Amino acid sequence: MSIRPFSQSFLSWLVLFGFAIFEGIFRWFVLERHLSAMVAQPIGITMVLATGVILACQFLQRGWFPTGSIPLVGAGCLWVVNTVAFEFGFFHYAVGVPWETIVVNYNVTTGHLFRSVCC
């Protein structure tokens, strides 16, 4: 993957990241005031997934995103690594959430769907 597709992939992730921050604030201050966290979380994740699909389609249609299997797999890997690094790094070191609590969000058998965002 050359530097241009890498930078385009990273830029698109930053745009999605910005929306995910907005979604988290919206979920916390609006949805969770009226719904339980277990209901609000899937709604928020659906919002982020839909935005990710729309964003990826827009970047592909405009030619701003890499084309071909290898660059696209690389872009997907970059998104996953950035997302997981942010989730674990920010929430543990900046917010102070214990590792165990963060890991629980990846356990789909208990109803948490965050892992589905990464796959």
C-alpha atoms as a PDB file:
ATOM      1  CA  MET A   1       0.000   0.000   0.000  1.00  0.00           C
ATOM      2  CA  SER A   2       1.586   3.278  -1.055  1.00  0.00           C
ATOM      3  CA  ILE A   3       1.427   6.406   1.081  1.00  0.00           C
ATOM      4  CA  ARG A   4      -1.486   7.984  -0.829  1.00  0.00           C
ATOM      5  CA  PRO A   5      -4.005   5.175  -0.211  1.00  0.00           C
ATOM      6  CA  PHE A   6      -2.729   4.958   3.366  1.00  0.00           C
ATOM      7  CA  SER A   7      -3.316   8.662   3.981  1.00  0.00           C
ATOM      8  CA  GLN A   8      -6.720   8.535   2.283  1.00  0.00           C
ATOM      9  CA  SER A   9      -7.719   5.559   4.423  1.00  0.00           C
ATOM     10  CA  PHE A  10      -6.536   7.325   7.555  1.00  0.00           C
ATOM     11  CA  LEU A  11      -8.401  10.502   6.579  1.00  0.00           C
ATOM     12  CA  SER A  12     -11.613   8.550   6.042  1.00  0.00           C
ATOM     13  CA  TRP A  13     -11.130   6.885   9.443  1.00  0.00           C
ATOM     14  CA  LEU A  14     -10.718  10.324  11.056  1.00  0.00           C
ATOM     15  CA  VAL A  15     -14.024  11.432   9.525  1.00  0.00           C
ATOM     16  CA  LEU A  16     -15.723   8.297  10.848  1.00  0.00           C
ATOM     17  CA  PHE A  17     -13.967   8.796  14.186  1.00  0.00           C
ATOM     18  CA  GLY A  18     -15.441  12.292  14.440  1.00  0.00           C
ATOM     19  CA  PHE A  19     -18.909  10.942  13.809  1.00  0.00           C
ATOM     20  CA  ALA A  20     -18.356   8.142  16.349  1.00  0.00           C
ATOM     21  CA  ILE A  21     -17.461  10.756  18.974  1.00  0.00           C
ATOM     22  CA  PHE A  22     -20.682  12.619  18.142  1.00  0.00           C
ATOM     23  CA  GLU A  23     -22.617   9.331  18.338  1.00  0.00           C
ATOM     24  CA  GLY A  24     -21.142   8.538  21.754  1.00  0.00           C
ATOM     25  CA  ILE A  25     -22.130  11.943  23.095  1.00  0.00           C
ATOM     26  CA  PHE A  26     -25.604  11.612  21.554  1.00  0.00           C
ATOM     27  CA  ARG A  27     -26.024   8.111  22.999  1.00  0.00           C
ATOM     28  CA  TRP A  28     -24.876   9.185  26.445  1.00  0.00           C
ATOM     29  CA  PHE A  29     -26.868  12.427  26.733  1.00  0.00           C
ATOM     30  CA  VAL A  30     -29.985  11.550  24.713  1.00  0.00           C
ATOM     31  CA  LEU A  31     -30.564   7.834  24.145  1.00  0.00           C
ATOM     32  CA  GLU A  32     -29.469   6.519  27.555  1.00  0.00           C
ATOM     33  CA  ARG A  33     -31.709   9.035  29.316  1.00  0.00           C
ATOM     34  CA  HIS A  34     -34.747   7.401  27.720  1.00  0.00           C
ATOM     35  CA  LEU A  35     -33.535   3.845  27.060  1.00  0.00           C
ATOM     36  CA  SER A  36     -31.369   1.321  28.859  1.00  0.00           C
ATOM     37  CA  ALA A  37     -27.688   1.160  27.906  1.00  0.00           C
ATOM     38  CA  MET A  38     -28.219  -2.304  26.377  1.00  0.00           C
ATOM     39  CA  VAL A  39     -30.818  -0.812  24.002  1.00  0.00           C
ATOM     40  CA  ALA A  40     -29.016   2.484  23.368  1.00  0.00           C
ATOM     41  CA  GLN A  41     -25.692   0.821  22.500  1.00  0.00           C
ATOM     42  CA  PRO A  42     -26.997  -1.186  19.491  1.00  0.00           C
ATOM     43  CA  ILE A  43     -28.777   1.919  18.198  1.00  0.00           C
ATOM     44  CA  GLY A  44     -25.547   3.899  18.419  1.00  0.00           C
ATOM     45  CA  ILE A  45     -23.512   1.123  16.803  1.00  0.00           C
ATOM     46  CA  THR A  46     -26.031   0.930  13.963  1.00  0.00           C
ATOM     47  CA  MET A  47     -25.619   4.685  13.438  1.00  0.00           C
ATOM     48  CA  VAL A  48     -21.825   4.341  13.251  1.00  0.00           C
ATOM     49  CA  LEU A  49     -22.002   1.309  10.936  1.00  0.00           C
ATOM     50  CA  ALA A  50     -24.411   3.086   8.587  1.00  0.00           C
ATOM     51  CA  THR A  51     -22.153   6.136   8.542  1.00  0.00           C
ATOM     52  CA  GLY A  52     -19.128   3.929   7.836  1.00  0.00           C
ATOM     53  CA  VAL A  53     -20.862   2.295   4.878  1.00  0.00           C
ATOM     54  CA  ILE A  54     -22.007   5.653   3.491  1.00  0.00           C
ATOM     55  CA  LEU A  55     -18.545   7.125   4.000  1.00  0.00           C
ATOM     56  CA  ALA A  56     -16.796   4.192   2.317  1.00  0.00           C
ATOM     57  CA  CYS A  57     -19.211   4.316  -0.645  1.00  0.00           C
ATOM     58  CA  GLN A  58     -18.668   8.072  -1.049  1.00  0.00           C
ATOM     59  CA  PHE A  59     -14.889   7.732  -0.910  1.00  0.00           C
ATOM     60  CA  LEU A  60     -14.978   4.875  -3.447  1.00  0.00           C
ATOM     61  CA  GLN A  61     -17.347   6.666  -5.849  1.00  0.00           C
ATOM     62  CA  ARG A  62     -15.241   9.810  -5.827  1.00  0.00           C
ATOM     63  CA  GLY A  63     -12.009   7.901  -6.285  1.00  0.00           C
ATOM     64  CA  TRP A  64     -10.650   9.114  -2.949  1.00  0.00           C
ATOM     65  CA  PHE A  65     -10.179   5.616  -1.588  1.00  0.00           C
ATOM     66  CA  PRO A  66      -7.833   2.880  -2.741  1.00  0.00           C
ATOM     67  CA  THR A  67      -9.140   0.403  -5.294  1.00  0.00           C
ATOM     68  CA  GLY A  68      -8.128  -3.204  -5.674  1.00  0.00           C
ATOM     69  CA  SER A  69      -8.180  -6.019  -3.154  1.00  0.00           C
ATOM     70  CA  ILE A  70      -4.845  -5.473  -1.416  1.00  0.00           C
ATOM     71  CA  PRO A  71      -5.235  -1.714  -0.752  1.00  0.00           C
ATOM     72  CA  LEU A  72      -8.831  -2.209   0.400  1.00  0.00           C
ATOM     73  CA  VAL A  73      -7.829  -4.986   2.809  1.00  0.00           C
ATOM     74  CA  GLY A  74      -5.048  -2.697   4.023  1.00  0.00           C
ATOM     75  CA  ALA A  75      -7.555   0.120   4.552  1.00  0.00           C
ATOM     76  CA  GLY A  76      -9.843  -2.218   6.476  1.00  0.00           C
ATOM     77  CA  CYS A  77      -6.962  -3.393   8.658  1.00  0.00           C
ATOM     78  CA  LEU A  78      -5.991   0.225   9.299  1.00  0.00           C
ATOM     79  CA  TRP A  79      -9.544   1.048  10.380  1.00  0.00           C
ATOM     80  CA  VAL A  80      -9.687  -1.952  12.740  1.00  0.00           C
ATOM     81  CA  VAL A  81      -6.279  -1.231  14.298  1.00  0.00           C
ATOM     82  CA  ASN A  82      -7.065   2.477  14.747  1.00  0.00           C
ATOM     83  CA  THR A  83     -10.479   1.739  16.252  1.00  0.00           C
ATOM     84  CA  VAL A  84      -9.269  -0.895  18.708  1.00  0.00           C
ATOM     85  CA  ALA A  85      -6.231   1.216  19.666  1.00  0.00           C
ATOM     86  CA  PHE A  86      -8.481   4.187  20.340  1.00  0.00           C
ATOM     87  CA  GLU A  87     -11.020   2.167  22.324  1.00  0.00           C
ATOM     88  CA  PHE A  88      -8.435   0.566  24.562  1.00  0.00           C
ATOM     89  CA  GLY A  89      -6.009   3.490  24.754  1.00  0.00           C
ATOM     90  CA  PHE A  90      -8.377   6.411  25.212  1.00  0.00           C
ATOM     91  CA  PHE A  91     -10.875   4.775  27.520  1.00  0.00           C
ATOM     92  CA  HIS A  92      -8.238   3.153  29.725  1.00  0.00           C
ATOM     93  CA  TYR A  93      -5.599   5.881  29.900  1.00  0.00           C
ATOM     94  CA  ALA A  94      -7.634   9.081  29.433  1.00  0.00           C
ATOM     95  CA  VAL A  95     -10.956   8.128  31.009  1.00  0.00           C
ATOM     96  CA  GLY A  96      -9.655   5.548  33.492  1.00  0.00           C
ATOM     97  CA  VAL A  97     -11.950   2.663  32.539  1.00  0.00           C
ATOM     98  CA  PRO A  98     -10.515  -0.664  33.786  1.00  0.00           C
ATOM     99  CA  TRP A  99      -9.293  -3.142  31.151  1.00  0.00           C
ATOM    100  CA  GLU A 100     -11.928  -5.681  32.244  1.00  0.00           C
ATOM    101  CA  THR A 101     -14.755  -3.245  31.535  1.00  0.00           C
ATOM    102  CA  ILE A 102     -13.378  -2.414  28.095  1.00  0.00           C
ATOM    103  CA  VAL A 103     -12.966  -6.097  27.204  1.00  0.00           C
ATOM    104  CA  VAL A 104     -16.611  -6.761  28.183  1.00  0.00           C
ATOM    105  CA  ASN A 105     -17.687  -4.503  25.283  1.00  0.00           C
ATOM    106  CA  TYR A 106     -16.150  -7.058  22.906  1.00  0.00           C
ATOM    107  CA  ASN A 107     -18.142  -9.988  24.340  1.00  0.00           C
ATOM    108  CA  VAL A 108     -21.012 -10.533  21.901  1.00  0.00           C
ATOM    109  CA  THR A 109     -22.356 -13.466  23.963  1.00  0.00           C
ATOM    110  CA  THR A 110     -23.440 -10.986  26.657  1.00  0.00           C
ATOM    111  CA  GLY A 111     -25.188  -8.688  24.191  1.00  0.00           C
ATOM    112  CA  HIS A 112     -22.378  -6.236  23.513  1.00  0.00           C
ATOM    113  CA  LEU A 113     -22.009  -5.520  19.820  1.00  0.00           C
ATOM    114  CA  PHE A 114     -18.865  -3.381  19.611  1.00  0.00           C
ATOM    115  CA  ARG A 115     -16.871  -6.253  18.135  1.00  0.00           C
ATOM    116  CA  SER A 116     -19.291  -6.270  15.177  1.00  0.00           C
ATOM    117  CA  VAL A 117     -18.103  -2.758  14.286  1.00  0.00           C
ATOM    118  CA  CYS A 118     -14.551  -4.053  13.891  1.00  0.00           C
ATOM    119  CA  CYS A 119     -15.438  -7.107  11.784  1.00  0.00           C
END
